[in-house]
Amino acid sequence: MSGAGLIIFDLDGTLVDQEAAVGRWADEFIRTYSASASPTPVC
């Protein structure tokens, strides 16, 4: 089985610190797209 992978579903949030993961994702998104860390009003 070449190229086979393992998929793990963390349905109850016990395997990964989800708050920290979202924070890392947001930091990466802001750095990548040069977005401002402070919210900007849409209207």
PDB file of N, CA and C in Angstrom:
ATOM      1  N   MET A   1       0.839  -1.191   0.000  1.00  0.00           N
ATOM      2  CA  MET A   1       0.000   0.000   0.000  1.00  0.00           C
ATOM      3  C   MET A   1       0.874   1.241   0.000  1.00  0.00           C
ATOM      4  N   SER A   2       1.414   1.549  -1.098  1.00  0.00           N
ATOM      5  CA  SER A   2       2.253   2.739  -1.212  1.00  0.00           C
ATOM      6  C   SER A   2       1.400   3.995  -1.188  1.00  0.00           C
ATOM      7  N   GLY A   3       1.813   4.975  -0.411  1.00  0.00           N
ATOM      8  CA  GLY A   3       1.094   6.243  -0.352  1.00  0.00           C
ATOM      9  C   GLY A   3      -0.116   6.241   0.565  1.00  0.00           C
ATOM     10  N   ALA A   4      -0.333   5.151   1.271  1.00  0.00           N
ATOM     11  CA  ALA A   4      -1.480   5.093   2.178  1.00  0.00           C
ATOM     12  C   ALA A   4      -1.200   5.972   3.390  1.00  0.00           C
ATOM     13  N   GLY A   5      -2.221   6.638   3.877  1.00  0.00           N
ATOM     14  CA  GLY A   5      -2.064   7.517   5.024  1.00  0.00           C
ATOM     15  C   GLY A   5      -2.987   7.121   6.150  1.00  0.00           C
ATOM     16  N   LEU A   6      -2.837   7.800   7.227  1.00  0.00           N
ATOM     17  CA  LEU A   6      -3.657   7.564   8.405  1.00  0.00           C
ATOM     18  C   LEU A   6      -4.472   8.811   8.674  1.00  0.00           C
ATOM     19  N   ILE A   7      -5.757   8.661   8.855  1.00  0.00           N
ATOM     20  CA  ILE A   7      -6.638   9.777   9.165  1.00  0.00           C
ATOM     21  C   ILE A   7      -7.149   9.600  10.583  1.00  0.00           C
ATOM     22  N   ILE A   8      -6.975  10.621  11.395  1.00  0.00           N
ATOM     23  CA  ILE A   8      -7.456  10.586  12.774  1.00  0.00           C
ATOM     24  C   ILE A   8      -8.471  11.705  12.944  1.00  0.00           C
ATOM     25  N   PHE A   9      -9.657  11.368  13.395  1.00  0.00           N
ATOM     26  CA  PHE A   9     -10.704  12.354  13.636  1.00  0.00           C
ATOM     27  C   PHE A   9     -10.762  12.654  15.130  1.00  0.00           C
ATOM     28  N   ASP A  10     -10.610  13.922  15.482  1.00  0.00           N
ATOM     29  CA  ASP A  10     -10.643  14.360  16.880  1.00  0.00           C
ATOM     30  C   ASP A  10     -11.995  15.021  17.140  1.00  0.00           C
ATOM     31  N   LEU A  11     -13.038  14.203  17.188  1.00  0.00           N
ATOM     32  CA  LEU A  11     -14.396  14.730  17.269  1.00  0.00           C
ATOM     33  C   LEU A  11     -14.721  15.398  18.600  1.00  0.00           C
ATOM     34  N   ASP A  12     -14.063  14.964  19.657  1.00  0.00           N
ATOM     35  CA  ASP A  12     -14.375  15.555  20.957  1.00  0.00           C
ATOM     36  C   ASP A  12     -13.326  16.553  21.433  1.00  0.00           C
ATOM     37  N   GLY A  13     -12.318  16.845  20.599  1.00  0.00           N
ATOM     38  CA  GLY A  13     -11.331  17.861  20.917  1.00  0.00           C
ATOM     39  C   GLY A  13     -10.341  17.476  22.005  1.00  0.00           C
ATOM     40  N   THR A  14     -10.066  16.199  22.175  1.00  0.00           N
ATOM     41  CA  THR A  14      -9.161  15.771  23.236  1.00  0.00           C
ATOM     42  C   THR A  14      -7.736  15.508  22.753  1.00  0.00           C
ATOM     43  N   LEU A  15      -7.519  15.400  21.450  1.00  0.00           N
ATOM     44  CA  LEU A  15      -6.187  15.084  20.940  1.00  0.00           C
ATOM     45  C   LEU A  15      -5.362  16.323  20.625  1.00  0.00           C
ATOM     46  N   VAL A  16      -6.010  17.411  20.258  1.00  0.00           N
ATOM     47  CA  VAL A  16      -5.333  18.630  19.841  1.00  0.00           C
ATOM     48  C   VAL A  16      -5.904  19.801  20.618  1.00  0.00           C
ATOM     49  N   ASP A  17      -5.025  20.705  21.061  1.00  0.00           N
ATOM     50  CA  ASP A  17      -5.473  21.944  21.700  1.00  0.00           C
ATOM     51  C   ASP A  17      -6.039  22.827  20.587  1.00  0.00           C
ATOM     52  N   GLN A  18      -7.357  22.795  20.419  1.00  0.00           N
ATOM     53  CA  GLN A  18      -7.993  23.472  19.294  1.00  0.00           C
ATOM     54  C   GLN A  18      -7.855  24.988  19.366  1.00  0.00           C
ATOM     55  N   GLU A  19      -7.887  25.554  20.570  1.00  0.00           N
ATOM     56  CA  GLU A  19      -7.740  27.004  20.717  1.00  0.00           C
ATOM     57  C   GLU A  19      -6.354  27.450  20.252  1.00  0.00           C
ATOM     58  N   ALA A  20      -5.328  26.705  20.633  1.00  0.00           N
ATOM     59  CA  ALA A  20      -3.970  27.038  20.202  1.00  0.00           C
ATOM     60  C   ALA A  20      -3.813  26.839  18.694  1.00  0.00           C
ATOM     61  N   ALA A  21      -4.422  25.786  18.153  1.00  0.00           N
ATOM     62  CA  ALA A  21      -4.329  25.519  16.717  1.00  0.00           C
ATOM     63  C   ALA A  21      -4.972  26.638  15.908  1.00  0.00           C
ATOM     64  N   VAL A  22      -6.112  27.126  16.354  1.00  0.00           N
ATOM     65  CA  VAL A  22      -6.783  28.229  15.649  1.00  0.00           C
ATOM     66  C   VAL A  22      -5.941  29.491  15.758  1.00  0.00           C
ATOM     67  N   GLY A  23      -5.329  29.716  16.914  1.00  0.00           N
ATOM     68  CA  GLY A  23      -4.452  30.880  17.083  1.00  0.00           C
ATOM     69  C   GLY A  23      -3.260  30.828  16.146  1.00  0.00           C
ATOM     70  N   ARG A  24      -2.641  29.644  16.012  1.00  0.00           N
ATOM     71  CA  ARG A  24      -1.518  29.498  15.078  1.00  0.00           C
ATOM     72  C   ARG A  24      -1.977  29.715  13.644  1.00  0.00           C
ATOM     73  N   TRP A  25      -3.149  29.169  13.298  1.00  0.00           N
ATOM     74  CA  TRP A  25      -3.679  29.356  11.939  1.00  0.00           C
ATOM     75  C   TRP A  25      -3.920  30.841  11.667  1.00  0.00           C
ATOM     76  N   ALA A  26      -4.514  31.550  12.632  1.00  0.00           N
ATOM     77  CA  ALA A  26      -4.803  32.975  12.448  1.00  0.00           C
ATOM     78  C   ALA A  26      -3.511  33.768  12.282  1.00  0.00           C
ATOM     79  N   ASP A  27      -2.492  33.471  13.086  1.00  0.00           N
ATOM     80  CA  ASP A  27      -1.203  34.155  12.953  1.00  0.00           C
ATOM     81  C   ASP A  27      -0.603  33.930  11.573  1.00  0.00           C
ATOM     82  N   GLU A  28      -0.642  32.678  11.115  1.00  0.00           N
ATOM     83  CA  GLU A  28      -0.110  32.342   9.789  1.00  0.00           C
ATOM     84  C   GLU A  28      -0.896  33.069   8.690  1.00  0.00           C
ATOM     85  N   PHE A  29      -2.217  33.102   8.816  1.00  0.00           N
ATOM     86  CA  PHE A  29      -3.065  33.780   7.832  1.00  0.00           C
ATOM     87  C   PHE A  29      -2.727  35.264   7.769  1.00  0.00           C
ATOM     88  N   ILE A  30      -2.578  35.887   8.931  1.00  0.00           N
ATOM     89  CA  ILE A  30      -2.266  37.323   8.982  1.00  0.00           C
ATOM     90  C   ILE A  30      -0.906  37.589   8.355  1.00  0.00           C
ATOM     91  N   ARG A  31       0.091  36.767   8.675  1.00  0.00           N
ATOM     92  CA  ARG A  31       1.423  36.960   8.083  1.00  0.00           C
ATOM     93  C   ARG A  31       1.393  36.728   6.583  1.00  0.00           C
ATOM     94  N   THR A  32       0.685  35.698   6.132  1.00  0.00           N
ATOM     95  CA  THR A  32       0.657  35.353   4.714  1.00  0.00           C
ATOM     96  C   THR A  32      -0.047  36.412   3.876  1.00  0.00           C
ATOM     97  N   TYR A  33      -1.164  36.901   4.353  1.00  0.00           N
ATOM     98  CA  TYR A  33      -1.971  37.820   3.559  1.00  0.00           C
ATOM     99  C   TYR A  33      -1.844  39.265   4.007  1.00  0.00           C
ATOM    100  N   SER A  34      -0.879  39.548   4.876  1.00  0.00           N
ATOM    101  CA  SER A  34      -0.616  40.903   5.365  1.00  0.00           C
ATOM    102  C   SER A  34      -1.871  41.576   5.889  1.00  0.00           C
ATOM    103  N   ALA A  35      -2.718  40.801   6.528  1.00  0.00           N
ATOM    104  CA  ALA A  35      -3.949  41.342   7.095  1.00  0.00           C
ATOM    105  C   ALA A  35      -3.635  42.002   8.438  1.00  0.00           C
ATOM    106  N   SER A  36      -4.476  42.910   8.835  1.00  0.00           N
ATOM    107  CA  SER A  36      -4.327  43.559  10.115  1.00  0.00           C
ATOM    108  C   SER A  36      -4.869  42.646  11.211  1.00  0.00           C
ATOM    109  N   ALA A  37      -4.183  42.646  12.363  1.00  0.00           N
ATOM    110  CA  ALA A  37      -4.625  41.815  13.475  1.00  0.00           C
ATOM    111  C   ALA A  37      -5.852  42.393  14.148  1.00  0.00           C
ATOM    112  N   SER A  38      -6.111  43.676  13.949  1.00  0.00           N
ATOM    113  CA  SER A  38      -7.295  44.288  14.562  1.00  0.00           C
ATOM    114  C   SER A  38      -8.465  44.236  13.581  1.00  0.00           C
ATOM    115  N   PRO A  39      -9.665  44.009  14.086  1.00  0.00           N
ATOM    116  CA  PRO A  39     -10.824  43.915  13.187  1.00  0.00           C
ATOM    117  C   PRO A  39     -11.111  45.248  12.499  1.00  0.00           C
ATOM    118  N   THR A  40     -11.544  45.166  11.265  1.00  0.00           N
ATOM    119  CA  THR A  40     -11.918  46.353  10.488  1.00  0.00           C
ATOM    120  C   THR A  40     -13.397  46.282  10.191  1.00  0.00           C
ATOM    121  N   PRO A  41     -14.140  47.361  10.472  1.00  0.00           N
ATOM    122  CA  PRO A  41     -15.579  47.355  10.166  1.00  0.00           C
ATOM    123  C   PRO A  41     -15.840  47.142   8.682  1.00  0.00           C
ATOM    124  N   VAL A  42     -16.852  46.368   8.376  1.00  0.00           N
ATOM    125  CA  VAL A  42     -17.195  46.056   6.989  1.00  0.00           C
ATOM    126  C   VAL A  42     -17.988  47.188   6.358  1.00  0.00           C
ATOM    127  N   CYS A  43     -18.893  47.810   7.115  1.00  0.00           N
ATOM    128  CA  CYS A  43     -19.749  48.839   6.526  1.00  0.00           C
ATOM    129  C   CYS A  43     -19.166  50.218   6.616  1.00  0.00           C
TER     130      CYS A  43
END
